[in-house]
N, C-alpha and C. Protein backbone atom coordinates (compact mmCIF):
# COMPACT_ATOMS: atom_id res chain seq x y z
N MET A 1 -6.52 10.60 23.87
CA MET A 1 -5.28 10.60 23.76
C MET A 1 -5.08 11.75 23.43
N SER A 2 -3.91 12.68 24.15
CA SER A 2 -2.71 13.73 24.11
C SER A 2 -2.12 14.10 23.97
N GLU A 3 -1.80 15.49 22.94
CA GLU A 3 -0.21 15.62 22.08
C GLU A 3 0.83 15.23 22.54
N ALA A 4 0.96 15.53 24.09
CA ALA A 4 2.03 14.95 24.81
C ALA A 4 2.01 13.90 25.04
N TRP A 5 1.45 12.85 25.17
CA TRP A 5 1.22 11.18 24.55
C TRP A 5 1.82 11.05 23.41
N MET A 6 0.74 11.98 22.17
CA MET A 6 1.50 11.27 20.99
C MET A 6 3.01 11.89 20.30
N THR A 7 3.61 13.08 20.77
CA THR A 7 4.87 13.27 20.93
C THR A 7 5.68 12.78 21.36
N GLU A 8 5.37 11.99 22.56
CA GLU A 8 6.24 10.91 23.33
C GLU A 8 6.22 9.24 22.73
N LEU A 9 5.16 9.09 21.88
CA LEU A 9 5.35 8.17 20.81
C LEU A 9 6.04 8.14 19.54
N ALA A 10 5.90 9.89 19.12
CA ALA A 10 6.91 9.34 17.62
C ALA A 10 8.42 9.53 17.62
N ALA A 11 8.82 9.68 19.53
CA ALA A 11 10.01 9.76 19.55
C ALA A 11 10.68 8.25 20.19
N SER A 12 9.41 7.20 20.34
CA SER A 12 10.22 5.94 20.62
C SER A 12 11.01 5.42 19.63
N PRO A 13 12.04 4.54 20.23
CA PRO A 13 12.59 4.01 19.10
C PRO A 13 12.49 2.60 18.89
N TRP A 14 10.99 1.99 19.08
CA TRP A 14 10.06 0.81 18.72
C TRP A 14 9.27 1.22 17.22
N LEU A 15 8.93 2.66 17.26
CA LEU A 15 7.99 3.00 15.96
C LEU A 15 8.38 2.33 14.82
N LEU A 16 9.90 2.69 14.44
CA LEU A 16 9.67 2.62 13.04
C LEU A 16 9.99 0.77 12.54
N PRO A 17 10.45 0.31 13.98
CA PRO A 17 10.41 -1.12 13.74
C PRO A 17 8.99 -1.54 13.55
N ALA A 18 7.90 -0.89 14.48
CA ALA A 18 6.50 -1.52 14.28
C ALA A 18 6.51 -1.07 12.79
N LEU A 19 6.38 0.08 12.38
CA LEU A 19 6.07 0.48 10.96
C LEU A 19 6.22 -0.72 10.06
N PHE A 20 7.71 -1.07 10.06
CA PHE A 20 8.11 -1.87 9.15
C PHE A 20 7.49 -3.23 8.90
N ALA A 21 7.29 -3.96 10.66
CA ALA A 21 6.29 -5.19 10.63
C ALA A 21 5.06 -4.75 10.50
N LEU A 22 4.12 -3.51 10.66
CA LEU A 22 2.78 -3.75 9.72
C LEU A 22 2.63 -3.80 8.11
N VAL A 23 3.78 -2.56 7.94
CA VAL A 23 3.38 -2.52 6.15
C VAL A 23 3.80 -3.96 5.77
N ILE A 24 4.67 -4.55 6.28
CA ILE A 24 4.72 -6.39 5.68
C ILE A 24 3.59 -7.06 6.04
N ALA A 25 3.16 -6.61 6.96
CA ALA A 25 1.59 -8.11 7.15
C ALA A 25 0.55 -7.38 6.47
N ASP A 26 0.36 -5.78 6.07
CA ASP A 26 -0.48 -5.46 5.29
C ASP A 26 -0.29 -6.10 4.33
N ALA A 27 0.54 -6.70 3.72
CA ALA A 27 0.48 -7.39 2.07
C ALA A 27 -0.70 -8.38 2.10
N PHE A 28 -0.35 -9.12 3.16
CA PHE A 28 -1.48 -10.02 3.41
C PHE A 28 -2.80 -9.80 3.82
N VAL A 29 -2.58 -9.39 5.01
CA VAL A 29 -3.65 -8.65 5.94
C VAL A 29 -4.52 -7.29 5.99
N VAL A 30 -5.65 -7.00 5.16
CA VAL A 30 -5.74 -5.76 4.34
C VAL A 30 -6.59 -4.79 5.42
N VAL A 31 -7.03 -5.52 6.54
CA VAL A 31 -7.58 -4.77 7.72
C VAL A 31 -6.42 -4.17 8.27
N LEU A 32 -5.25 -4.27 8.28
CA LEU A 32 -4.11 -3.93 8.91
C LEU A 32 -3.63 -2.48 8.32
N PRO A 33 -3.77 -1.44 9.07
CA PRO A 33 -3.82 0.05 8.15
C PRO A 33 -2.72 0.79 8.15
N SER A 34 -1.77 0.08 7.42
CA SER A 34 -0.37 0.62 7.28
C SER A 34 -0.25 2.27 6.58
N GLU A 35 -1.26 1.95 5.27
CA GLU A 35 -1.02 3.70 4.82
C GLU A 35 -1.26 4.24 5.90
N THR A 36 -2.66 4.34 6.79
CA THR A 36 -2.80 5.42 7.90
C THR A 36 -1.89 5.70 8.62
N LEU A 37 -0.74 4.72 9.25
CA LEU A 37 0.26 4.70 10.12
C LEU A 37 1.16 5.63 9.27
N VAL A 38 1.44 5.23 8.11
CA VAL A 38 2.58 6.10 7.10
C VAL A 38 2.09 7.51 7.29
N VAL A 39 0.75 7.34 6.72
CA VAL A 39 0.29 9.30 6.48
C VAL A 39 0.45 9.94 8.21
N ALA A 40 0.27 9.22 9.18
CA ALA A 40 -0.17 9.59 10.63
C ALA A 40 1.55 10.07 11.27
N LEU A 41 2.71 9.10 10.70
CA LEU A 41 3.60 10.20 10.62
C LEU A 41 4.69 10.59 10.07
N GLY A 42 4.10 10.83 8.64
CA GLY A 42 4.50 11.95 8.30
C GLY A 42 3.58 13.41 8.54
N SER A 43 2.62 13.06 9.22
CA SER A 43 2.32 14.39 9.84
C SER A 43 3.06 14.37 11.53
N LEU A 44 3.11 13.94 11.98
CA LEU A 44 4.02 14.15 13.29
C LEU A 44 5.54 14.41 13.22
N ALA A 45 6.41 13.73 11.84
CA ALA A 45 7.27 14.06 11.62
C ALA A 45 7.23 15.99 11.52
N ALA A 46 6.47 16.12 10.70
CA ALA A 46 6.40 17.57 9.90
C ALA A 46 5.74 18.71 11.07
N SER A 47 5.24 17.80 12.26
CA SER A 47 4.65 18.95 13.32
C SER A 47 5.22 19.03 14.55
N THR A 48 6.06 17.76 14.78
CA THR A 48 6.92 18.10 15.56
C THR A 48 8.24 17.78 15.88
N GLY A 49 8.56 17.16 14.63
CA GLY A 49 10.20 16.68 14.23
C GLY A 49 10.93 15.38 14.22
N SER A 50 9.56 14.97 14.83
CA SER A 50 10.32 12.91 15.89
C SER A 50 8.69 12.42 14.74
N PRO A 51 8.99 11.11 14.15
CA PRO A 51 10.36 10.80 13.33
C PRO A 51 10.83 11.57 12.16
N SER A 52 11.75 11.37 11.87
CA SER A 52 12.40 12.00 10.91
C SER A 52 11.93 11.51 9.28
N LEU A 53 11.38 12.30 8.64
CA LEU A 53 10.40 12.27 7.33
C LEU A 53 11.39 11.53 6.69
N TRP A 54 12.76 11.24 6.37
CA TRP A 54 13.92 10.60 5.69
C TRP A 54 14.08 9.48 6.51
N ALA A 55 13.71 8.87 7.43
CA ALA A 55 13.45 7.66 7.91
C ALA A 55 12.41 6.94 7.64
N VAL A 56 10.93 7.41 8.20
CA VAL A 56 9.73 6.77 7.54
C VAL A 56 9.92 6.60 5.94
N ILE A 57 10.06 7.22 5.33
CA ILE A 57 10.25 6.98 3.62
C ILE A 57 10.72 6.03 3.38
N PRO A 58 12.06 5.90 3.80
CA PRO A 58 12.76 4.37 3.66
C PRO A 58 12.30 3.20 4.07
N VAL A 59 11.98 3.11 5.16
CA VAL A 59 11.60 2.36 6.31
C VAL A 59 9.87 1.57 5.64
N ALA A 60 9.12 2.31 5.32
CA ALA A 60 7.93 2.25 4.61
C ALA A 60 8.01 1.39 3.60
N ALA A 61 8.56 2.06 2.69
CA ALA A 61 8.80 1.51 1.12
C ALA A 61 9.69 0.27 1.38
N LEU A 62 10.81 -0.23 2.34
CA LEU A 62 11.20 -1.42 2.24
C LEU A 62 10.03 -1.95 2.78
N GLY A 63 9.38 -2.08 3.90
CA GLY A 63 8.22 -3.12 4.15
C GLY A 63 7.53 -3.00 3.06
N ALA A 64 6.84 -2.09 2.14
CA ALA A 64 6.31 -2.58 0.90
C ALA A 64 6.67 -3.32 0.12
N VAL A 65 7.77 -3.26 -0.10
CA VAL A 65 8.64 -4.27 -1.15
C VAL A 65 8.85 -5.26 -0.28
N ILE A 66 8.94 -5.70 0.19
CA ILE A 66 9.21 -7.30 1.22
C ILE A 66 7.77 -7.60 0.96
N GLY A 67 7.13 -6.89 1.85
CA GLY A 67 5.77 -7.62 1.94
C GLY A 67 4.87 -8.11 0.32
N ASP A 68 5.17 -7.23 -0.51
CA ASP A 68 4.85 -7.46 -2.16
C ASP A 68 5.42 -8.51 -2.68
N SER A 69 6.97 -9.24 -2.17
CA SER A 69 7.59 -10.06 -2.76
C SER A 69 7.30 -11.37 -2.26
N ALA A 70 7.13 -11.11 -1.06
CA ALA A 70 6.43 -12.46 -0.21
C ALA A 70 5.10 -12.92 -0.69
N LEU A 71 4.36 -11.80 -1.12
CA LEU A 71 3.19 -12.50 -1.55
C LEU A 71 3.49 -13.33 -3.50
N PHE A 72 4.32 -12.46 -3.84
CA PHE A 72 4.96 -12.66 -5.20
C PHE A 72 5.09 -13.93 -4.97
N TRP A 73 6.18 -14.70 -4.18
CA TRP A 73 6.52 -16.04 -4.12
C TRP A 73 5.41 -16.85 -3.40
N LEU A 74 4.68 -16.08 -2.99
CA LEU A 74 3.78 -17.18 -2.37
C LEU A 74 2.49 -17.74 -3.68
N GLY A 75 2.72 -16.69 -4.53
CA GLY A 75 1.81 -17.08 -5.61
C GLY A 75 2.96 -17.74 -6.50
N ARG A 76 4.08 -17.70 -6.31
CA ARG A 76 4.73 -18.84 -7.19
C ARG A 76 4.55 -20.31 -6.79
N ARG A 77 4.70 -20.30 -5.54
CA ARG A 77 4.84 -21.82 -4.76
C ARG A 77 3.66 -22.51 -4.67
N VAL A 78 2.35 -21.54 -4.51
CA VAL A 78 1.61 -22.50 -4.03
C VAL A 78 0.07 -21.84 -5.06
N GLY A 79 0.02 -21.32 -6.26
CA GLY A 79 -0.51 -20.71 -6.77
C GLY A 79 -1.68 -19.93 -6.58
N LEU A 80 -3.08 -20.27 -7.44
CA LEU A 80 -4.14 -19.16 -6.67
C LEU A 80 -5.45 -19.68 -6.59
N ASP A 81 -5.12 -20.93 -5.97
CA ASP A 81 -6.56 -21.89 -5.32
C ASP A 81 -6.38 -22.86 -4.38
N ARG A 82 -4.87 -22.75 -3.49
CA ARG A 82 -4.87 -23.59 -2.77
C ARG A 82 -5.65 -23.54 -1.62
N TRP A 83 -5.73 -21.92 -0.96
CA TRP A 83 -6.59 -21.84 0.34
C TRP A 83 -8.01 -21.26 0.06
N SER A 84 -8.92 -21.50 0.96
CA SER A 84 -10.45 -20.93 0.77
C SER A 84 -10.47 -19.83 0.13
N TRP A 85 -9.56 -18.78 1.09
CA TRP A 85 -9.67 -17.53 1.22
C TRP A 85 -9.44 -17.02 -0.39
N MET A 86 -8.78 -17.23 -1.08
CA MET A 86 -8.19 -17.17 -2.29
C MET A 86 -9.56 -17.39 -3.57
N ARG A 87 -10.35 -17.89 -2.91
CA ARG A 87 -11.92 -18.57 -3.90
C ARG A 87 -12.95 -17.73 -3.35
N ARG A 88 -12.57 -16.65 -2.64
CA ARG A 88 -14.03 -15.66 -1.75
C ARG A 88 -13.75 -14.29 -2.29
N GLY A 89 -14.95 -13.80 -2.72
CA GLY A 89 -14.96 -12.51 -2.52
C GLY A 89 -14.29 -11.85 -3.61
N ARG A 90 -13.93 -10.60 -3.24
CA ARG A 90 -13.07 -9.45 -3.64
C ARG A 90 -12.07 -9.69 -4.37
N ILE A 91 -11.46 -10.81 -3.28
CA ILE A 91 -9.83 -11.54 -3.97
C ILE A 91 -9.96 -12.57 -4.81
N ARG A 92 -11.25 -13.34 -5.04
CA ARG A 92 -11.33 -13.93 -5.96
C ARG A 92 -11.45 -13.28 -7.37
N SER A 93 -12.76 -12.32 -7.59
CA SER A 93 -12.83 -11.56 -8.39
C SER A 93 -11.35 -10.71 -9.24
N ALA A 94 -10.49 -10.02 -8.32
CA ALA A 94 -9.35 -9.50 -8.43
C ALA A 94 -8.33 -10.39 -9.18
N LEU A 95 -8.15 -11.63 -8.44
CA LEU A 95 -7.40 -12.66 -9.14
C LEU A 95 -7.66 -12.82 -10.90
N ASP A 96 -9.30 -13.00 -10.69
CA ASP A 96 -9.93 -13.38 -12.22
C ASP A 96 -9.48 -12.25 -12.99
N ARG A 97 -9.77 -10.83 -12.51
CA ARG A 97 -8.98 -9.75 -13.25
C ARG A 97 -7.83 -9.60 -13.86
N THR A 98 -7.12 -9.81 -12.85
CA THR A 98 -5.37 -10.01 -13.55
C THR A 98 -4.88 -10.71 -13.74
N ARG A 99 -5.38 -11.94 -13.78
CA ARG A 99 -4.81 -13.15 -14.15
C ARG A 99 -4.27 -13.27 -15.78
N ALA A 100 -5.11 -12.82 -16.60
CA ALA A 100 -4.80 -12.13 -18.25
C ALA A 100 -3.87 -11.19 -18.69
N THR A 101 -3.94 -10.02 -17.57
CA THR A 101 -3.33 -9.26 -17.98
C THR A 101 -1.47 -9.00 -17.81
N VAL A 102 -1.54 -9.96 -16.37
CA VAL A 102 -0.23 -9.10 -15.57
C VAL A 102 0.96 -9.92 -16.46
N THR A 103 1.02 -10.69 -17.15
CA THR A 103 2.57 -10.90 -17.60
C THR A 103 2.27 -9.53 -19.19
N ARG A 104 1.70 -9.20 -19.33
CA ARG A 104 1.37 -8.38 -20.48
C ARG A 104 1.54 -7.04 -20.15
N ARG A 105 1.21 -6.57 -19.08
CA ARG A 105 1.45 -5.42 -18.72
C ARG A 105 1.32 -5.22 -17.02
N PRO A 106 2.56 -5.59 -16.90
CA PRO A 106 2.93 -5.94 -15.38
C PRO A 106 2.79 -4.10 -14.44
N ALA A 107 3.60 -3.35 -15.30
CA ALA A 107 3.84 -1.91 -14.42
C ALA A 107 2.70 -1.19 -14.13
N VAL A 108 1.70 -0.92 -15.38
CA VAL A 108 0.15 -0.88 -14.80
C VAL A 108 -0.30 -1.33 -13.85
N LEU A 109 -0.45 -2.32 -13.27
CA LEU A 109 -0.78 -3.44 -12.43
C LEU A 109 -0.41 -3.01 -11.28
N VAL A 110 0.68 -3.35 -11.40
CA VAL A 110 1.86 -3.25 -10.03
C VAL A 110 1.94 -1.89 -9.42
N PHE A 111 2.19 -1.03 -10.47
CA PHE A 111 1.79 0.77 -10.09
C PHE A 111 0.38 1.08 -9.37
N THR A 112 -0.44 0.39 -9.88
CA THR A 112 -2.02 0.98 -9.55
C THR A 112 -2.54 0.05 -8.58
N ALA A 113 -1.63 -0.89 -8.29
CA ALA A 113 -2.55 -2.27 -6.70
C ALA A 113 -2.00 -1.69 -5.88
N ARG A 114 -0.39 -1.01 -5.78
CA ARG A 114 -0.08 -0.95 -5.06
C ARG A 114 -0.98 0.23 -3.32
N TYR A 115 -1.57 1.12 -4.12
CA TYR A 115 -2.87 2.08 -3.67
C TYR A 115 -3.92 1.27 -3.26
N ILE A 116 -4.42 0.39 -3.72
CA ILE A 116 -5.59 -0.81 -3.38
C ILE A 116 -5.20 -1.83 -2.63
N PRO A 117 -5.54 -2.26 -1.35
CA PRO A 117 -5.08 -3.43 -0.62
C PRO A 117 -5.44 -4.67 -1.18
N PHE A 118 -7.02 -4.90 -2.02
CA PHE A 118 -7.76 -6.18 -2.27
C PHE A 118 -6.59 -6.51 -3.65
N ALA A 119 -6.57 -5.33 -4.67
CA ALA A 119 -6.05 -5.45 -6.15
C ALA A 119 -4.18 -5.87 -5.30
N ARG A 120 -3.74 -5.05 -4.17
CA ARG A 120 -2.72 -5.50 -4.39
C ARG A 120 -2.56 -6.88 -3.97
N ILE A 121 -2.87 -7.43 -3.28
CA ILE A 121 -3.15 -8.89 -2.71
C ILE A 121 -2.95 -10.08 -3.99
N ALA A 122 -4.22 -9.38 -4.95
CA ALA A 122 -4.34 -10.00 -6.33
C ALA A 122 -3.29 -9.65 -7.02
N VAL A 123 -2.73 -8.86 -7.48
CA VAL A 123 -1.47 -8.57 -8.63
C VAL A 123 -0.22 -8.88 -8.08
N ASN A 124 0.03 -9.15 -6.51
CA ASN A 124 0.67 -9.73 -6.55
C ASN A 124 1.02 -11.41 -6.55
N LEU A 125 0.45 -11.78 -6.24
CA LEU A 125 0.18 -13.32 -5.64
C LEU A 125 0.16 -13.94 -7.72
N THR A 126 -0.88 -13.07 -8.28
CA THR A 126 -0.86 -13.62 -9.93
C THR A 126 0.18 -13.47 -10.55
N ALA A 127 0.98 -12.74 -10.13
CA ALA A 127 2.01 -11.67 -10.71
C ALA A 127 3.69 -13.54 -10.41
N GLY A 128 3.30 -13.90 -9.14
CA GLY A 128 4.02 -14.89 -8.99
C GLY A 128 3.47 -16.57 -9.63
N ALA A 129 2.38 -16.09 -9.99
CA ALA A 129 1.89 -17.96 -10.11
C ALA A 129 1.31 -17.33 -11.65
N SER A 130 1.90 -16.77 -12.45
CA SER A 130 1.71 -16.53 -13.91
C SER A 130 3.45 -16.73 -14.57
N GLY A 131 4.19 -16.87 -13.42
CA GLY A 131 5.02 -17.27 -14.58
C GLY A 131 6.29 -15.34 -14.45
N LEU A 132 5.48 -14.70 -14.33
CA LEU A 132 6.33 -13.33 -14.59
C LEU A 132 8.00 -13.76 -13.93
N ALA A 133 8.79 -12.99 -14.46
CA ALA A 133 10.46 -12.83 -13.87
C ALA A 133 10.50 -12.05 -12.84
N TYR A 134 11.38 -12.66 -11.93
CA TYR A 134 11.21 -11.72 -10.33
C TYR A 134 11.91 -10.38 -10.87
N ARG A 135 12.65 -10.68 -11.53
CA ARG A 135 13.92 -10.02 -11.87
C ARG A 135 12.63 -8.24 -12.78
N ARG A 136 11.54 -9.43 -13.47
CA ARG A 136 11.08 -7.85 -14.07
C ARG A 136 9.88 -7.31 -12.92
N PHE A 137 9.58 -8.25 -12.11
CA PHE A 137 8.73 -7.82 -10.95
C PHE A 137 8.93 -6.97 -10.09
N LEU A 138 10.51 -7.02 -9.60
CA LEU A 138 11.13 -6.46 -8.48
C LEU A 138 11.41 -4.83 -8.69
N PRO A 139 12.16 -4.56 -9.82
CA PRO A 139 12.51 -3.30 -10.12
C PRO A 139 10.78 -2.53 -9.86
N LEU A 140 9.70 -3.07 -10.48
CA LEU A 140 8.63 -2.03 -10.49
C LEU A 140 7.71 -2.09 -9.30
N SER A 141 8.32 -3.31 -8.56
CA SER A 141 7.68 -3.12 -6.94
C SER A 141 8.38 -2.04 -5.97
N ILE A 142 9.61 -2.03 -6.11
CA ILE A 142 11.16 -0.84 -6.05
C ILE A 142 10.00 0.48 -5.99
N ALA A 143 10.05 0.41 -7.19
CA ALA A 143 9.62 1.89 -7.93
C ALA A 143 8.53 2.28 -7.15
N ALA A 144 7.12 1.39 -7.20
CA ALA A 144 5.89 1.35 -6.55
C ALA A 144 5.88 1.56 -5.24
N GLY A 145 6.90 0.74 -4.21
CA GLY A 145 6.79 0.86 -2.87
C GLY A 145 7.20 2.56 -2.55
N VAL A 146 8.41 3.14 -3.32
CA VAL A 146 9.15 4.09 -2.94
C VAL A 146 8.25 5.65 -3.39
N GLY A 147 7.25 4.98 -4.30
CA GLY A 147 6.00 6.36 -4.68
C GLY A 147 5.13 6.30 -3.75
N TRP A 148 4.70 5.01 -3.35
CA TRP A 148 3.88 4.73 -2.31
C TRP A 148 3.48 5.45 -0.82
N ALA A 149 5.52 5.37 -0.64
CA ALA A 149 6.15 5.58 0.35
C ALA A 149 5.43 7.32 0.92
N PHE A 150 6.36 7.64 -0.26
CA PHE A 150 6.41 9.60 -0.46
C PHE A 150 5.33 9.73 -0.87
N TYR A 151 3.81 9.69 -1.32
CA TYR A 151 2.75 10.14 -1.45
C TYR A 151 2.17 10.22 -0.17
N ASN A 152 2.24 8.85 0.95
CA ASN A 152 1.55 8.69 1.53
C ASN A 152 2.31 9.61 2.94
N VAL A 153 3.52 9.72 2.75
CA VAL A 153 4.36 10.82 3.89
C VAL A 153 3.84 12.16 3.44
N GLY A 154 3.68 12.31 2.91
CA GLY A 154 3.32 13.61 2.08
C GLY A 154 2.23 14.19 2.32
N ILE A 155 1.28 13.28 2.04
CA ILE A 155 0.03 13.83 2.66
C ILE A 155 -0.16 14.15 4.23
N GLY A 156 0.67 13.60 4.91
CA GLY A 156 0.60 13.46 6.49
C GLY A 156 1.80 14.88 6.74
N ALA A 157 2.79 15.23 5.75
CA ALA A 157 3.52 16.12 5.96
C ALA A 157 3.00 17.57 5.58
N ALA A 158 2.08 17.58 4.52
CA ALA A 158 1.17 18.83 4.34
C ALA A 158 0.71 19.22 5.33
N PHE A 159 -0.17 18.39 5.68
CA PHE A 159 -0.86 18.77 7.14
C PHE A 159 -0.13 19.02 8.80
N GLY A 160 1.22 18.34 8.93
CA GLY A 160 1.35 18.56 9.78
C GLY A 160 2.01 19.88 9.81
N ALA A 161 2.72 20.28 8.12
CA ALA A 161 3.36 22.05 8.22
C ALA A 161 2.31 22.35 8.46
N LEU A 162 0.64 22.18 8.01
CA LEU A 162 -0.14 23.55 7.81
C LEU A 162 -0.54 23.09 9.40
N LEU A 163 -0.40 22.64 10.26
CA LEU A 163 -1.15 22.47 11.50
C LEU A 163 0.12 21.97 12.71
N ARG A 164 1.06 22.79 12.42
CA ARG A 164 2.14 22.40 13.10
C ARG A 164 2.08 22.78 14.75
N ASP A 165 1.28 23.64 14.98
CA ASP A 165 0.88 23.72 16.80
C ASP A 165 -0.02 22.71 17.31
N GLN A 166 -0.62 22.05 16.32
CA GLN A 166 -1.32 21.00 16.68
C GLN A 166 -1.23 19.95 15.86
N PRO A 167 -0.62 18.62 16.46
CA PRO A 167 0.03 17.78 16.16
C PRO A 167 -1.27 16.44 15.89
N LEU A 168 -2.21 16.87 16.82
CA LEU A 168 -3.40 15.58 16.82
C LEU A 168 -4.49 16.17 16.28
N LEU A 169 -4.13 17.30 15.93
CA LEU A 169 -5.65 17.70 14.61
C LEU A 169 -4.84 17.73 13.47
N ALA A 170 -3.58 17.85 12.92
CA ALA A 170 -2.80 17.32 11.39
C ALA A 170 -2.98 16.24 11.46
N VAL A 171 -3.02 15.15 12.17
CA VAL A 171 -3.16 13.66 12.08
C VAL A 171 -4.27 13.03 11.51
N GLY A 172 -5.10 13.52 12.36
CA GLY A 172 -6.61 13.48 12.28
C GLY A 172 -7.20 13.93 10.82
N CYS A 173 -6.77 15.09 10.33
CA CYS A 173 -6.78 15.59 8.97
C CYS A 173 -6.46 15.05 8.25
N SER A 174 -4.83 14.29 8.38
CA SER A 174 -4.41 13.82 6.92
C SER A 174 -4.54 12.53 6.66
N VAL A 175 -4.86 11.39 8.21
CA VAL A 175 -5.92 10.35 7.82
C VAL A 175 -6.96 10.12 7.01
N VAL A 176 -8.08 11.02 7.55
CA VAL A 176 -9.31 11.35 6.98
C VAL A 176 -9.33 11.52 5.34
N VAL A 177 -7.84 12.52 5.10
CA VAL A 177 -7.94 12.59 3.46
C VAL A 177 -7.35 11.45 2.61
N ALA A 178 -6.13 10.76 3.32
CA ALA A 178 -6.04 9.59 2.91
C ALA A 178 -6.65 8.60 2.17
N ILE A 179 -7.75 8.40 3.89
CA ILE A 179 -8.68 7.18 3.27
C ILE A 179 -9.50 7.53 2.38
N ILE A 180 -10.08 9.22 2.05
CA ILE A 180 -10.99 9.28 0.70
C ILE A 180 -10.34 9.36 -0.39
N VAL A 181 -8.92 9.36 -0.10
CA VAL A 181 -8.13 9.07 -1.57
C VAL A 181 -8.25 8.31 -1.83
N GLY A 182 -8.10 7.04 -1.05
CA GLY A 182 -7.75 5.72 -1.11
C GLY A 182 -8.98 5.31 -1.73
N VAL A 183 -10.23 5.53 -0.86
CA VAL A 183 -11.23 5.32 -1.70
C VAL A 183 -11.75 5.17 -2.86
N THR A 184 -11.62 6.67 -3.34
CA THR A 184 -11.78 7.70 -4.67
C THR A 184 -11.00 6.81 -5.53
N ILE A 185 -10.04 6.12 -5.02
CA ILE A 185 -8.64 5.31 -6.40
C ILE A 185 -9.61 4.45 -6.61
N ASP A 186 -9.63 3.18 -5.30
CA ASP A 186 -10.36 2.09 -5.48
C ASP A 186 -11.47 2.23 -6.20
N ALA A 187 -12.58 3.38 -6.14
CA ALA A 187 -13.75 3.13 -6.68
C ALA A 187 -13.52 3.15 -8.24
N ILE A 188 -12.38 4.24 -8.60
CA ILE A 188 -12.36 4.48 -10.44
C ILE A 188 -11.81 3.28 -10.85
N VAL A 189 -10.69 2.93 -10.33
CA VAL A 189 -10.48 1.74 -10.65
C VAL A 189 -11.29 0.34 -10.88
N SER A 190 -12.20 0.16 -9.66
CA SER A 190 -13.03 -0.85 -10.45
C SER A 190 -14.24 -0.55 -11.31
N ARG A 191 -14.37 0.75 -11.20
CA ARG A 191 -15.35 1.32 -12.67
C ARG A 191 -14.58 0.91 -13.67
N TRP A 192 -13.63 0.72 -13.76
CA TRP A 192 -12.68 0.98 -14.61
C TRP A 192 -12.41 -0.31 -15.54
N SER A 193 -12.25 -0.98 -14.59
CA SER A 193 -12.22 -2.75 -14.67
C SER A 193 -13.56 -3.19 -15.12
N ARG A 194 -14.43 -3.13 -14.59
CA ARG A 194 -16.01 -3.10 -14.75
C ARG A 194 -15.91 -3.05 -16.21
N ARG A 195 -15.88 -1.94 -16.70
CA ARG A 195 -16.26 -1.03 -18.02
C ARG A 195 -15.36 -2.60 -19.12
N ARG A 196 -13.97 -2.20 -18.68
CA ARG A 196 -13.12 -3.04 -19.67
C ARG A 196 -13.86 -4.26 -19.67
N ASP A 197 -14.35 -5.15 -18.66
CA ASP A 197 -14.59 -6.75 -18.65
C ASP A 197 -16.04 -6.39 -19.48
N ALA A 198 -16.58 -5.60 -19.69
CA ALA A 198 -17.89 -5.92 -20.10
C ALA A 198 -17.91 -5.11 -21.88
N THR A 199 -16.63 -4.79 -22.00
CA THR A 199 -16.46 -4.49 -23.21
C THR A 199 -15.41 -5.59 -23.86
N GLY A 200 -14.74 -6.18 -23.17
CA GLY A 200 -13.95 -7.28 -23.66
C GLY A 200 -12.82 -7.17 -23.92
N THR A 201 -12.07 -5.63 -23.75
CA THR A 201 -11.06 -5.28 -24.36
C THR A 201 -10.01 -5.01 -22.76
N ALA A 202 -8.70 -5.44 -23.31
CA ALA A 202 -7.59 -5.15 -22.25
C ALA A 202 -7.44 -3.68 -22.25
N PRO A 203 -6.68 -3.17 -20.83
CA PRO A 203 -5.77 -1.79 -20.60
C PRO A 203 -4.84 -2.09 -21.48
N ARG A 204 -4.61 -0.58 -22.36
CA ARG A 204 -3.31 0.12 -22.92
C ARG A 204 -2.49 0.80 -22.35
């Protein structure tokens, strides 16, 4: 992949619509790397000037909110046991952990889960299935989505500004750092959840 090709891609009129669609799809399919793309575009924006940072952020945030809301309404309509994928592996474990607390402490869960793919699916589904009012969920989802967009674009932009003359290297470094941070957050939250389950206490 050449830097010239990457610069040309960054100027494509299809790039932001593709970002929007990918972020929405990522709400359902955790293998789709929407965070990676948001970080990469933040890096390109800072190092090449295209796309605009102030376009990437709202597009990513809006896609996140729509994806989260779609999962919320899916949970409201079908519950947490309708399909086999809801009863398997990490999804099932995450659903079980969030079921008891999502209506009492939705802000903590919605904000934290936005950065952890499996937890994001579980929290949004459970919020809908639990009967949490959408008028309560939506402002939390908007705040979490905007924060998530700024965070990922910020990581990319920092490396893009630092390595302005090497956009390909800037994208690579920013994506690696974002992945490391994401894995670290996942590990910390998982460890905290296991400790909470072991002591039988709820988060405060």
